[in-house]
C-alpha atoms as a PDB file:
ATOM      1  CA  MET A   1     -77.095-136.165 -45.580  1.00  0.00           C
ATOM      2  CA  SER A   2     -73.714-136.113 -45.986  1.00  0.00           C
ATOM      3  CA  VAL A   3     -70.799-138.844 -46.935  1.00  0.00           C
ATOM      4  CA  PRO A   4     -68.180-140.086 -44.153  1.00  0.00           C
ATOM      5  CA  ASP A   5     -65.246-137.777 -43.245  1.00  0.00           C
ATOM      6  CA  GLY A   6     -62.425-138.025 -46.009  1.00  0.00           C
ATOM      7  CA  TRP A   7     -64.721-138.976 -48.446  1.00  0.00           C
ATOM      8  CA  THR A   8     -65.282-136.722 -51.458  1.00  0.00           C
ATOM      9  CA  LEU A   9     -67.942-136.604 -54.083  1.00  0.00           C
ATOM     10  CA  SER A  10     -66.822-135.231 -57.379  1.00  0.00           C
ATOM     11  CA  ALA A  11     -68.247-135.040 -60.930  1.00  0.00           C
ATOM     12  CA  SER A  12     -66.686-136.159 -64.160  1.00  0.00           C
ATOM     13  CA  ALA A  13     -66.640-133.743 -67.266  1.00  0.00           C
ATOM     14  CA  PHE A  14     -66.658-136.516 -69.158  1.00  0.00           C
ATOM     15  CA  ASN A  15     -70.695-136.578 -68.408  1.00  0.00           C
ATOM     16  CA  LEU A  16     -70.671-133.515 -70.638  1.00  0.00           C
ATOM     17  CA  THR A  17     -69.236-135.083 -73.718  1.00  0.00           C
ATOM     18  CA  PRO A  18     -72.621-134.633 -75.857  1.00  0.00           C
ATOM     19  CA  ALA A  19     -72.167-130.904 -75.356  1.00  0.00           C
ATOM     20  CA  VAL A  20     -68.649-131.083 -76.095  1.00  0.00           C
ATOM     21  CA  ILE A  21     -69.369-132.853 -79.421  1.00  0.00           C
ATOM     22  CA  ARG A  22     -71.620-130.085 -80.168  1.00  0.00           C
ATOM     23  CA  ALA A  23     -68.632-127.456 -79.836  1.00  0.00           C
ATOM     24  CA  GLU A  24     -71.135-124.301 -78.988  1.00  0.00           C
ATOM     25  CA  ARG A  25     -68.902-123.864 -75.940  1.00  0.00           C
ATOM     26  CA  THR A  26     -65.418-124.958 -75.259  1.00  0.00           C
ATOM     27  CA  ALA A  27     -64.580-127.890 -72.957  1.00  0.00           C
ATOM     28  CA  PRO A  28     -62.893-126.035 -70.393  1.00  0.00           C
ATOM     29  CA  ASP A  29     -66.223-123.848 -70.151  1.00  0.00           C
ATOM     30  CA  LEU A  30     -68.368-126.722 -69.950  1.00  0.00           C
ATOM     31  CA  ALA A  31     -65.987-128.351 -67.360  1.00  0.00           C
ATOM     32  CA  LEU A  32     -66.351-125.419 -65.071  1.00  0.00           C
ATOM     33  CA  THR A  33     -70.149-125.329 -65.314  1.00  0.00           C
ATOM     34  CA  LEU A  34     -70.103-128.428 -62.995  1.00  0.00           C
ATOM     35  CA  VAL A  35     -68.406-126.134 -60.383  1.00  0.00           C
ATOM     36  CA  ASP A  36     -70.445-122.605 -61.526  1.00  0.00           C
ATOM     37  CA  GLU A  37     -73.976-124.583 -61.084  1.00  0.00           C
ATOM     38  CA  GLY A  38     -73.056-126.263 -57.701  1.00  0.00           C
ATOM     39  CA  LEU A  39     -72.937-129.924 -58.963  1.00  0.00           C
ATOM     40  CA  ALA A  40     -69.534-130.304 -57.542  1.00  0.00           C
ATOM     41  CA  SER A  41     -66.593-128.476 -56.172  1.00  0.00           C
ATOM     42  CA  THR A  42     -64.488-131.185 -57.498  1.00  0.00           C
ATOM     43  CA  ILE A  43     -64.055-132.550 -60.609  1.00  0.00           C
ATOM     44  CA  GLU A  44     -62.258-134.843 -63.098  1.00  0.00           C
ATOM     45  CA  VAL A  45     -61.319-134.086 -66.730  1.00  0.00           C
ATOM     46  CA  GLU A  46     -60.213-135.798 -69.700  1.00  0.00           C
ATOM     47  CA  LEU A  47     -56.865-134.418 -71.125  1.00  0.00           C
ATOM     48  CA  GLY A  48     -57.767-135.391 -74.592  1.00  0.00           C
ATOM     49  CA  GLN A  49     -61.121-133.705 -74.416  1.00  0.00           C
ATOM     50  CA  MET A  50     -60.056-130.640 -72.837  1.00  0.00           C
ATOM     51  CA  TRP A  51     -57.172-128.774 -74.991  1.00  0.00           C
ATOM     52  CA  ARG A  52     -55.730-128.987 -78.096  1.00  0.00           C
ATOM     53  CA  GLY A  53     -52.154-129.907 -78.797  1.00  0.00           C
ATOM     54  CA  PHE A  54     -52.544-133.554 -76.995  1.00  0.00           C
ATOM     55  CA  PRO A  55     -50.780-134.715 -75.822  1.00  0.00           C
ATOM     56  CA  THR A  56     -48.975-131.633 -75.075  1.00  0.00           C
ATOM     57  CA  PRO A  57     -51.379-128.922 -74.437  1.00  0.00           C
ATOM     58  CA  PRO A  58     -50.315-125.518 -74.224  1.00  0.00           C
ATOM     59  CA  THR A  59     -49.316-124.935 -70.661  1.00  0.00           C
ATOM     60  CA  ARG A  60     -50.974-121.241 -70.883  1.00  0.00           C
ATOM     61  CA  GLU A  61     -54.306-122.459 -71.254  1.00  0.00           C
ATOM     62  CA  VAL A  62     -54.009-125.026 -68.869  1.00  0.00           C
ATOM     63  CA  GLU A  63     -52.823-122.744 -66.331  1.00  0.00           C
ATOM     64  CA  ALA A  64     -55.684-120.474 -67.110  1.00  0.00           C
ATOM     65  CA  PHE A  65     -57.856-123.365 -66.606  1.00  0.00           C
ATOM     66  CA  HIS A  66     -56.433-123.988 -63.029  1.00  0.00           C
ATOM     67  CA  ASP A  67     -56.787-120.148 -62.215  1.00  0.00           C
ATOM     68  CA  ARG A  68     -60.571-119.992 -63.510  1.00  0.00           C
ATOM     69  CA  LEU A  69     -61.333-123.272 -61.531  1.00  0.00           C
ATOM     70  CA  ALA A  70     -59.844-121.811 -58.425  1.00  0.00           C
ATOM     71  CA  ALA A  71     -61.651-118.538 -58.696  1.00  0.00           C
ATOM     72  CA  ALA A  72     -64.911-120.475 -58.843  1.00  0.00           C
ATOM     73  CA  GLY A  73     -64.204-122.249 -55.796  1.00  0.00           C
ATOM     74  CA  GLY A  74     -63.260-125.633 -57.571  1.00  0.00           C
ATOM     75  CA  ARG A  75     -60.202-127.964 -58.067  1.00  0.00           C
ATOM     76  CA  VAL A  76     -59.413-130.903 -60.408  1.00  0.00           C
ATOM     77  CA  SER A  77     -58.899-134.577 -58.763  1.00  0.00           C
ATOM     78  CA  ILE A  78     -57.980-136.654 -61.374  1.00  0.00           C
ATOM     79  CA  VAL A  79     -56.818-136.145 -64.835  1.00  0.00           C
ATOM     80  CA  GLY A  80     -57.827-138.811 -67.517  1.00  0.00           C
ATOM     81  CA  VAL A  81     -54.582-139.525 -69.835  1.00  0.00           C
ATOM     82  CA  SER A  82     -53.775-142.259 -72.241  1.00  0.00           C
ATOM     83  CA  ILE A  83     -50.951-143.908 -74.277  1.00  0.00           C
ATOM     84  CA  ASP A  84     -51.115-144.217 -77.869  1.00  0.00           C
ATOM     85  CA  GLU A  85     -49.467-147.202 -78.308  1.00  0.00           C
ATOM     86  CA  TYR A  86     -49.069-147.081 -82.158  1.00  0.00           C
ATOM     87  CA  ASP A  87     -47.552-144.350 -84.316  1.00  0.00           C
ATOM     88  CA  ARG A  88     -48.640-144.575 -87.923  1.00  0.00           C
ATOM     89  CA  GLY A  89     -48.996-148.727 -87.742  1.00  0.00           C
ATOM     90  CA  ARG A  90     -45.804-149.153 -85.891  1.00  0.00           C
ATOM     91  CA  ARG A  91     -45.817-150.251 -82.310  1.00  0.00           C
ATOM     92  CA  ARG A  92     -43.906-147.252 -79.975  1.00  0.00           C
ATOM     93  CA  THR A  93     -41.000-148.242 -77.713  1.00  0.00           C
ATOM     94  CA  ASP A  94     -41.297-147.840 -74.230  1.00  0.00           C
ATOM     95  CA  ALA A  95     -38.969-144.673 -74.491  1.00  0.00           C
ATOM     96  CA  GLU A  96     -41.588-143.353 -76.918  1.00  0.00           C
ATOM     97  CA  ARG A  97     -44.527-144.569 -74.549  1.00  0.00           C
ATOM     98  CA  ARG A  98     -43.182-142.542 -72.110  1.00  0.00           C
ATOM     99  CA  ALA A  99     -42.387-139.467 -73.947  1.00  0.00           C
ATOM    100  CA  PHE A 100     -45.844-139.516 -75.089  1.00  0.00           C
ATOM    101  CA  LEU A 101     -47.432-139.948 -71.363  1.00  0.00           C
ATOM    102  CA  GLU A 102     -45.058-137.487 -69.676  1.00  0.00           C
ATOM    103  CA  PRO A 103     -46.164-134.227 -71.001  1.00  0.00           C
ATOM    104  CA  GLN A 104     -49.631-135.220 -69.777  1.00  0.00           C
ATOM    105  CA  LEU A 105     -48.266-136.081 -66.220  1.00  0.00           C
ATOM    106  CA  ARG A 106     -46.757-132.639 -66.440  1.00  0.00           C
ATOM    107  CA  ALA A 107     -49.988-130.753 -67.836  1.00  0.00           C
ATOM    108  CA  ALA A 108     -51.991-132.674 -64.921  1.00  0.00           C
ATOM    109  CA  ALA A 109     -49.759-130.987 -62.270  1.00  0.00           C
ATOM    110  CA  ALA A 110     -50.028-127.571 -63.743  1.00  0.00           C
ATOM    111  CA  VAL A 111     -53.992-127.799 -63.581  1.00  0.00           C
ATOM    112  CA  GLY A 112     -53.449-128.748 -59.991  1.00  0.00           C
ATOM    113  CA  ALA A 113     -54.615-132.340 -60.166  1.00  0.00           C
ATOM    114  CA  THR A 114     -54.343-134.739 -57.332  1.00  0.00           C
ATOM    115  CA  GLY A 115     -53.423-137.746 -59.999  1.00  0.00           C
ATOM    116  CA  VAL A 116     -54.035-138.883 -63.156  1.00  0.00           C
ATOM    117  CA  ARG A 117     -55.759-141.916 -64.602  1.00  0.00           C
ATOM    118  CA  LEU A 118     -55.218-145.001 -67.141  1.00  0.00           C
ATOM    119  CA  PRO A 119     -56.660-148.113 -67.732  1.00  0.00           C
ATOM    120  CA  ILE A 120     -55.218-150.894 -65.675  1.00  0.00           C
ATOM    121  CA  GLY A 121     -52.027-152.483 -67.254  1.00  0.00           C
ATOM    122  CA  GLN A 122     -51.789-150.053 -69.760  1.00  0.00           C
ATOM    123  CA  ALA A 123     -48.415-148.431 -68.280  1.00  0.00           C
ATOM    124  CA  GLY A 124     -47.109-151.958 -68.030  1.00  0.00           C
ATOM    125  CA  SER A 125     -43.545-151.952 -67.627  1.00  0.00           C
ATOM    126  CA  LEU A 126     -43.246-148.285 -67.516  1.00  0.00           C
ATOM    127  CA  LEU A 127     -44.892-148.210 -64.238  1.00  0.00           C
ATOM    128  CA  ASP A 128     -41.786-149.008 -62.036  1.00  0.00           C
ATOM    129  CA  ASP A 129     -39.766-146.021 -64.040  1.00  0.00           C
ATOM    130  CA  LEU A 130     -42.751-143.637 -63.621  1.00  0.00           C
ATOM    131  CA  VAL A 131     -42.475-143.468 -60.132  1.00  0.00           C
ATOM    132  CA  PRO A 132     -39.721-140.504 -59.640  1.00  0.00           C
ATOM    133  CA  VAL A 133     -41.578-138.735 -62.089  1.00  0.00           C
ATOM    134  CA  LEU A 134     -44.674-138.914 -60.049  1.00  0.00           C
ATOM    135  CA  GLU A 135     -43.061-138.095 -56.709  1.00  0.00           C
ATOM    136  CA  GLU A 136     -41.513-135.094 -58.262  1.00  0.00           C
ATOM    137  CA  LEU A 137     -44.787-133.869 -59.530  1.00  0.00           C
ATOM    138  CA  ASP A 138     -46.724-134.769 -56.543  1.00  0.00           C
ATOM    139  CA  LEU A 139     -49.102-136.878 -58.459  1.00  0.00           C
ATOM    140  CA  VAL A 140     -50.884-140.210 -57.924  1.00  0.00           C
ATOM    141  CA  LEU A 141     -51.146-142.351 -61.063  1.00  0.00           C
ATOM    142  CA  PHE A 142     -54.347-144.204 -60.879  1.00  0.00           C
ATOM    143  CA  GLU A 143     -54.877-147.560 -62.905  1.00  0.00           C
ATOM    144  CA  GLU A 144     -58.548-147.959 -63.372  1.00  0.00           C
ATOM    145  CA  ALA A 145     -60.309-151.134 -63.405  1.00  0.00           C
ATOM    146  CA  GLN A 146     -64.067-151.349 -64.579  1.00  0.00           C
ATOM    147  CA  GLY A 147     -66.384-153.923 -66.255  1.00  0.00           C
ATOM    148  CA  HIS A 148     -64.794-157.228 -66.231  1.00  0.00           C
ATOM    149  CA  GLU A 149     -61.497-156.399 -64.942  1.00  0.00           C
ATOM    150  CA  THR A 150     -61.602-158.258 -61.851  1.00  0.00           C
ATOM    151  CA  PRO A 151     -58.646-159.361 -59.931  1.00  0.00           C
ATOM    152  CA  GLY A 152     -59.220-162.826 -61.148  1.00  0.00           C
ATOM    153  CA  ALA A 153     -59.216-161.585 -64.428  1.00  0.00           C
ATOM    154  CA  ARG A 154     -56.240-159.846 -64.513  1.00  0.00           C
ATOM    155  CA  PRO A 155     -54.061-160.784 -61.320  1.00  0.00           C
ATOM    156  CA  ALA A 156     -50.541-159.553 -62.605  1.00  0.00           C
ATOM    157  CA  ASP A 157     -51.704-156.151 -63.098  1.00  0.00           C
ATOM    158  CA  TYR A 158     -53.289-155.823 -59.557  1.00  0.00           C
ATOM    159  CA  ASP A 159     -50.043-157.595 -58.358  1.00  0.00           C
ATOM    160  CA  ARG A 160     -48.071-155.145 -59.877  1.00  0.00           C
ATOM    161  CA  ILE A 161     -49.596-152.293 -57.891  1.00  0.00           C
ATOM    162  CA  SER A 162     -49.146-154.244 -54.766  1.00  0.00           C
ATOM    163  CA  ARG A 163     -45.655-154.765 -55.420  1.00  0.00           C
ATOM    164  CA  LEU A 164     -44.399-151.177 -56.070  1.00  0.00           C
ATOM    165  CA  ASP A 165     -45.888-150.357 -52.866  1.00  0.00           C
ATOM    166  CA  THR A 166     -46.168-146.815 -53.428  1.00  0.00           C
ATOM    167  CA  PRO A 167     -48.678-144.150 -52.438  1.00  0.00           C
ATOM    168  CA  ASN A 168     -47.909-142.582 -55.904  1.00  0.00           C
ATOM    169  CA  VAL A 169     -49.417-145.633 -57.898  1.00  0.00           C
ATOM    170  CA  ARG A 170     -52.995-146.834 -56.500  1.00  0.00           C
ATOM    171  CA  LEU A 171     -56.065-148.703 -57.768  1.00  0.00           C
ATOM    172  CA  LEU A 172     -59.127-146.903 -58.944  1.00  0.00           C
ATOM    173  CA  LEU A 173     -62.270-149.110 -58.885  1.00  0.00           C
ATOM    174  CA  ASP A 174     -65.358-148.408 -61.480  1.00  0.00           C
ATOM    175  CA  ILE A 175     -68.375-149.837 -59.935  1.00  0.00           C
ATOM    176  CA  SER A 176     -69.276-150.976 -63.494  1.00  0.00           C
ATOM    177  CA  MET A 177     -67.652-154.196 -61.870  1.00  0.00           C
ATOM    178  CA  LEU A 178     -70.700-154.712 -59.348  1.00  0.00           C
ATOM    179  CA  MET A 179     -73.800-154.455 -61.414  1.00  0.00           C
ATOM    180  CA  PRO A 180     -76.560-156.866 -60.487  1.00  0.00           C
ATOM    181  CA  ALA A 181     -78.470-156.172 -63.448  1.00  0.00           C
ATOM    182  CA  LEU A 182     -78.311-154.427 -66.621  1.00  0.00           C
ATOM    183  CA  PRO A 183     -79.594-150.747 -67.167  1.00  0.00           C
ATOM    184  CA  VAL A 184     -83.278-150.689 -68.041  1.00  0.00           C
ATOM    185  CA  THR A 185     -82.722-148.146 -71.047  1.00  0.00           C
ATOM    186  CA  TYR A 186     -79.988-150.477 -72.240  1.00  0.00           C
ATOM    187  CA  LEU A 187     -82.121-153.344 -72.347  1.00  0.00           C
ATOM    188  CA  ASP A 188     -84.770-151.451 -74.247  1.00  0.00           C
ATOM    189  CA  GLU A 189     -82.368-150.484 -76.673  1.00  0.00           C
ATOM    190  CA  LEU A 190     -81.426-153.867 -77.606  1.00  0.00           C
ATOM    191  CA  GLU A 191     -84.745-155.203 -77.709  1.00  0.00           C
ATOM    192  CA  ARG A 192     -85.750-152.170 -80.221  1.00  0.00           C
ATOM    193  CA  GLY A 193     -82.673-153.149 -82.102  1.00  0.00           C
ATOM    194  CA  GLY A 194     -83.764-156.584 -82.648  1.00  0.00           C
ATOM    195  CA  ILE A 195     -81.777-158.596 -80.346  1.00  0.00           C
ATOM    196  CA  ARG A 196     -82.885-162.448 -80.042  1.00  0.00           C
ATOM    197  CA  PRO A 197     -85.810-162.597 -77.618  1.00  0.00           C
ATOM    198  CA  ASP A 198     -84.596-165.529 -75.696  1.00  0.00           C
ATOM    199  CA  LEU A 199     -81.312-163.638 -75.222  1.00  0.00           C
ATOM    200  CA  HIS A 200     -83.217-160.358 -73.929  1.00  0.00           C
ATOM    201  CA  ARG A 201     -85.164-162.458 -71.164  1.00  0.00           C
ATOM    202  CA  ARG A 202     -81.801-163.646 -70.024  1.00  0.00           C
ATOM    203  CA  LEU A 203     -80.265-160.397 -69.901  1.00  0.00           C
ATOM    204  CA  ARG A 204     -83.433-158.852 -68.242  1.00  0.00           C
ATOM    205  CA  ASP A 205     -83.501-161.856 -65.666  1.00  0.00           C
ATOM    206  CA  ASP A 206     -80.342-163.662 -65.334  1.00  0.00           C
ATOM    207  CA  TRP A 207     -77.134-161.169 -65.745  1.00  0.00           C
ATOM    208  CA  ARG A 208     -74.889-162.517 -63.078  1.00  0.00           C
ATOM    209  CA  ASP A 209     -75.785-166.159 -64.307  1.00  0.00           C
ATOM    210  CA  PRO A 210     -72.290-167.413 -65.860  1.00  0.00           C
ATOM    211  CA  GLU A 211     -74.447-169.040 -68.615  1.00  0.00           C
ATOM    212  CA  THR A 212     -75.858-165.542 -69.598  1.00  0.00           C
ATOM    213  CA  HIS A 213     -72.037-164.831 -70.540  1.00  0.00           C
ATOM    214  CA  ASP A 214     -71.723-167.766 -72.624  1.00  0.00           C
ATOM    215  CA  ALA A 215     -74.834-167.048 -74.257  1.00  0.00           C
ATOM    216  CA  VAL A 216     -73.697-163.340 -75.125  1.00  0.00           C
ATOM    217  CA  VAL A 217     -70.219-164.689 -76.512  1.00  0.00           C
ATOM    218  CA  ASP A 218     -71.915-167.445 -78.762  1.00  0.00           C
ATOM    219  CA  LEU A 219     -74.443-165.101 -80.306  1.00  0.00           C
ATOM    220  CA  LEU A 220     -71.460-162.690 -81.158  1.00  0.00           C
ATOM    221  CA  ARG A 221     -69.330-165.711 -82.539  1.00  0.00           C
ATOM    222  CA  THR A 222     -72.026-166.678 -84.897  1.00  0.00           C
ATOM    223  CA  GLY A 223     -72.885-163.430 -86.063  1.00  0.00           C
ATOM    224  CA  GLY A 224     -76.343-163.235 -84.820  1.00  0.00           C
ATOM    225  CA  VAL A 225     -76.267-159.537 -83.066  1.00  0.00           C
ATOM    226  CA  PRO A 226     -78.203-157.301 -85.287  1.00  0.00           C
ATOM    227  CA  GLY A 227     -76.246-154.575 -86.888  1.00  0.00           C
ATOM    228  CA  PRO A 228     -78.080-151.515 -85.434  1.00  0.00           C
ATOM    229  CA  VAL A 229     -76.865-152.464 -82.084  1.00  0.00           C
ATOM    230  CA  HIS A 230     -73.536-154.195 -82.641  1.00  0.00           C
ATOM    231  CA  THR A 231     -71.325-151.514 -81.061  1.00  0.00           C
ATOM    232  CA  LEU A 232     -73.698-151.221 -78.185  1.00  0.00           C
ATOM    233  CA  TYR A 233     -73.593-154.956 -77.599  1.00  0.00           C
ATOM    234  CA  MET A 234     -69.984-155.038 -77.016  1.00  0.00           C
ATOM    235  CA  ASN A 235     -70.573-153.229 -73.504  1.00  0.00           C
ATOM    236  CA  LEU A 236     -71.792-156.671 -72.280  1.00  0.00           C
ATOM    237  CA  LEU A 237     -67.953-157.958 -72.884  1.00  0.00           C
ATOM    238  CA  VAL A 238     -66.292-154.848 -71.907  1.00  0.00           C
ATOM    239  CA  ARG A 239     -68.096-152.137 -69.860  1.00  0.00           C
ATOM    240  CA  PHE A 240     -70.797-154.282 -67.898  1.00  0.00           C
ATOM    241  CA  GLY A 241     -69.391-156.235 -64.873  1.00  0.00           C
ATOM    242  CA  ARG A 242     -71.091-159.097 -62.713  1.00  0.00           C
ATOM    243  CA  ALA A 243     -68.780-159.152 -59.705  1.00  0.00           C
ATOM    244  CA  ARG A 244     -69.651-158.797 -56.106  1.00  0.00           C
ATOM    245  CA  ALA A 245     -67.918-156.767 -53.669  1.00  0.00           C
ATOM    246  CA  SER A 246     -66.657-159.759 -51.961  1.00  0.00           C
ATOM    247  CA  ASP A 247     -64.445-160.750 -54.991  1.00  0.00           C
ATOM    248  CA  LEU A 248     -62.686-157.416 -54.479  1.00  0.00           C
ATOM    249  CA  ALA A 249     -62.030-157.721 -50.975  1.00  0.00           C
ATOM    250  CA  SER A 250     -58.088-158.362 -51.304  1.00  0.00           C
ATOM    251  CA  VAL A 251     -57.623-155.402 -53.624  1.00  0.00           C
ATOM    252  CA  LEU A 252     -59.484-152.901 -51.347  1.00  0.00           C
ATOM    253  CA  PRO A 253     -56.261-151.798 -49.579  1.00  0.00           C
ATOM    254  CA  LEU A 254     -54.657-150.768 -52.907  1.00  0.00           C
ATOM    255  CA  LEU A 255     -57.684-148.277 -53.601  1.00  0.00           C
ATOM    256  CA  GLY A 256     -57.115-144.493 -53.893  1.00  0.00           C
ATOM    257  CA  ALA A 257     -60.450-143.448 -55.840  1.00  0.00           C
ATOM    258  CA  VAL A 258     -63.873-144.825 -57.070  1.00  0.00           C
ATOM    259  CA  HIS A 259     -65.805-144.043 -60.132  1.00  0.00           C
ATOM    260  CA  LEU A 260     -69.549-144.091 -59.358  1.00  0.00           C
ATOM    261  CA  LYS A 261     -70.389-145.396 -62.954  1.00  0.00           C
ATOM    262  CA  PHE A 262     -74.176-145.255 -63.693  1.00  0.00           C
ATOM    263  CA  TRP A 263     -76.101-145.486 -67.049  1.00  0.00           C
ATOM    264  CA  ASP A 264     -79.290-144.260 -66.406  1.00  0.00           C
ATOM    265  CA  LEU A 265     -81.351-143.499 -63.247  1.00  0.00           C
ATOM    266  CA  ASP A 266     -83.933-146.239 -63.238  1.00  0.00           C
ATOM    267  CA  ASP A 267     -83.260-147.732 -59.793  1.00  0.00           C
ATOM    268  CA  ALA A 268     -86.818-149.203 -58.725  1.00  0.00           C
ATOM    269  CA  ASP A 269     -85.218-152.480 -57.740  1.00  0.00           C
ATOM    270  CA  ASP A 270     -82.003-150.840 -56.306  1.00  0.00           C
ATOM    271  CA  ARG A 271     -79.997-151.760 -59.114  1.00  0.00           C
ATOM    272  CA  ILE A 272     -78.114-148.780 -58.872  1.00  0.00           C
ATOM    273  CA  SER A 273     -78.294-148.215 -55.098  1.00  0.00           C
ATOM    274  CA  ASP A 274     -76.960-151.771 -54.181  1.00  0.00           C
ATOM    275  CA  PRO A 275     -73.733-151.235 -55.595  1.00  0.00           C
ATOM    276  CA  LEU A 276     -73.321-147.998 -54.109  1.00  0.00           C
ATOM    277  CA  ARG A 277     -74.077-149.548 -50.572  1.00  0.00           C
ATOM    278  CA  ASP A 278     -71.910-152.363 -51.285  1.00  0.00           C
ATOM    279  CA  VAL A 279     -68.734-150.149 -52.103  1.00  0.00           C
ATOM    280  CA  GLY A 280     -69.638-147.848 -49.313  1.00  0.00           C
ATOM    281  CA  ASP A 281     -69.785-150.838 -46.854  1.00  0.00           C
ATOM    282  CA  ALA A 282     -66.535-152.112 -48.512  1.00  0.00           C
ATOM    283  CA  LEU A 283     -64.698-148.775 -48.001  1.00  0.00           C
ATOM    284  CA  ALA A 284     -65.817-148.096 -44.687  1.00  0.00           C
ATOM    285  CA  ALA A 285     -64.389-151.337 -43.500  1.00  0.00           C
ATOM    286  CA  THR A 286     -60.918-150.382 -45.023  1.00  0.00           C
ATOM    287  CA  GLY A 287     -60.617-146.806 -43.833  1.00  0.00           C
ATOM    288  CA  PHE A 288     -60.799-145.409 -47.415  1.00  0.00           C
ATOM    289  CA  THR A 289     -60.223-141.906 -48.246  1.00  0.00           C
ATOM    290  CA  GLY A 290     -60.366-140.125 -51.512  1.00  0.00           C
ATOM    291  CA  THR A 291     -62.610-139.364 -54.112  1.00  0.00           C
ATOM    292  CA  LEU A 292     -65.587-140.985 -55.408  1.00  0.00           C
ATOM    293  CA  CYS A 293     -66.633-139.645 -58.758  1.00  0.00           C
ATOM    294  CA  SER A 294     -69.980-139.466 -60.655  1.00  0.00           C
ATOM    295  CA  GLU A 295     -69.386-140.770 -64.166  1.00  0.00           C
ATOM    296  CA  TRP A 296     -72.414-141.077 -66.668  1.00  0.00           C
ATOM    297  CA  GLY A 297     -71.783-143.647 -69.356  1.00  0.00           C
ATOM    298  CA  GLY A 298     -75.396-143.719 -70.681  1.00  0.00           C
ATOM    299  CA  GLN A 299     -74.713-140.644 -72.947  1.00  0.00           C
ATOM    300  CA  GLU A 300     -73.822-143.594 -75.431  1.00  0.00           C
ATOM    301  CA  TRP A 301     -77.298-144.301 -75.855  1.00  0.00           C
ATOM    302  CA  LEU A 302     -79.494-141.695 -74.104  1.00  0.00           C
ATOM    303  CA  ASP A 303     -79.843-137.994 -75.056  1.00  0.00           C
ATOM    304  CA  ASP A 304     -80.819-137.008 -71.684  1.00  0.00           C
ATOM    305  CA  ASP A 305     -79.448-133.700 -70.121  1.00  0.00           C
ATOM    306  CA  PRO A 306     -76.044-134.463 -68.841  1.00  0.00           C
ATOM    307  CA  TRP A 307     -76.209-131.747 -65.937  1.00  0.00           C
ATOM    308  CA  GLU A 308     -79.619-132.949 -64.675  1.00  0.00           C
ATOM    309  CA  MET A 309     -78.052-136.677 -64.950  1.00  0.00           C
ATOM    310  CA  THR A 310     -75.465-135.659 -62.732  1.00  0.00           C
ATOM    311  CA  SER A 311     -77.238-133.622 -60.227  1.00  0.00           C
ATOM    312  CA  ARG A 312     -79.826-136.301 -59.815  1.00  0.00           C
ATOM    313  CA  HIS A 313     -76.998-139.148 -59.566  1.00  0.00           C
ATOM    314  CA  LEU A 314     -75.027-137.200 -57.154  1.00  0.00           C
ATOM    315  CA  SER A 315     -78.021-137.173 -54.716  1.00  0.00           C
ATOM    316  CA  LEU A 316     -78.672-140.519 -55.225  1.00  0.00           C
ATOM    317  CA  ALA A 317     -75.116-141.439 -54.400  1.00  0.00           C
ATOM    318  CA  VAL A 318     -75.519-139.292 -51.272  1.00  0.00           C
ATOM    319  CA  GLY A 319     -78.498-141.006 -50.056  1.00  0.00           C
ATOM    320  CA  ALA A 320     -77.208-144.479 -50.423  1.00  0.00           C
ATOM    321  CA  LEU A 321     -73.579-143.801 -49.374  1.00  0.00           C
ATOM    322  CA  SER A 322     -74.942-141.966 -45.984  1.00  0.00           C
ATOM    323  CA  ASP A 323     -77.665-144.366 -45.019  1.00  0.00           C
ATOM    324  CA  ARG A 324     -75.476-147.064 -44.767  1.00  0.00           C
ATOM    325  CA  HIS A 325     -73.012-145.257 -42.544  1.00  0.00           C
ATOM    326  CA  PRO A 326     -75.295-142.991 -40.238  1.00  0.00           C
ATOM    327  CA  SER A 327     -72.655-142.763 -37.860  1.00  0.00           C
ATOM    328  CA  ALA A 328     -69.828-141.615 -39.637  1.00  0.00           C
ATOM    329  CA  PRO A 329     -68.338-138.113 -39.394  1.00  0.00           C
ATOM    330  CA  LEU A 330     -70.022-135.657 -41.656  1.00  0.00           C
ATOM    331  CA  GLN A 331     -68.930-133.413 -44.631  1.00  0.00           C
ATOM    332  CA  ARG A 332     -71.095-131.467 -47.199  1.00  0.00           C
ATOM    333  CA  ALA A 333     -70.825-133.863 -50.468  1.00  0.00           C
ATOM    334  CA  SER A 334     -72.188-131.022 -52.351  1.00  0.00           C
ATOM    335  CA  THR A 335     -69.241-128.591 -51.703  1.00  0.00           C
ATOM    336  CA  GLN A 336     -66.411-131.191 -51.586  1.00  0.00           C
END
């Protein structure tokens, strides 16, 4: 099985965060294992996780990683970057925000990346002025939208990408927007944490019902969320979306990359496979070319082996995407 020509499956080094935290090996060494163990030859990395000295990592270390990765037959597709909005409690000016971001862009170019990734809307008014730098460095800035950040929720941010009309600024869609149901293991965690039974039933059976969202907000506002799962509960408002692929039709021409976000691998009722198939159909209809990256978010509450989880998810993704497009030109997903 394989994915259509022009689609490149990749894996995110973010998946290895639990191992990075243990610090038994360096973050660059861990990122290289995704290639060395044959999971993917194209990977995403998080700049702040990879090297000390953020936001200006040592050029020598960045270039050394590039060389090691290339020697292993790998490359970096996208580098996750960020803008620290505050400096000791004072909001940074636009000039200071740009000065914080630009060294990250140059590091991404040095590591051989195709582009960098920011949360949608974070660059804001900087975006127009960044285009010449992106052109100079031959980088694409991907604005990532996930969870509840649909075109209807943030029209101005999507409009900005469209208005710029440049190949150097594109949209990255995280399929956490398209969740037909919540992860089984997440629901189990909420139940163990003491979430109210009636809300747990609603979350389990009626995730896409607008009244479910209202109930989630009401419990938070009334202080009824149990302390042990309070942080986990916030995923319902931020990281877990309930849109359908049709809700994204107007912005698909802006798309340059996709995050195949997954939480666990319980797919008995196709709650993982259905969004993959839906986004696959949408991409095929628009002639998409770019990366589709396996990104594991369930490490927040699961302690499974991240390499195994990533490998199994990539296999599931290949099956879901290739099965929907059996006549598409072929390429070996495991080596792209």
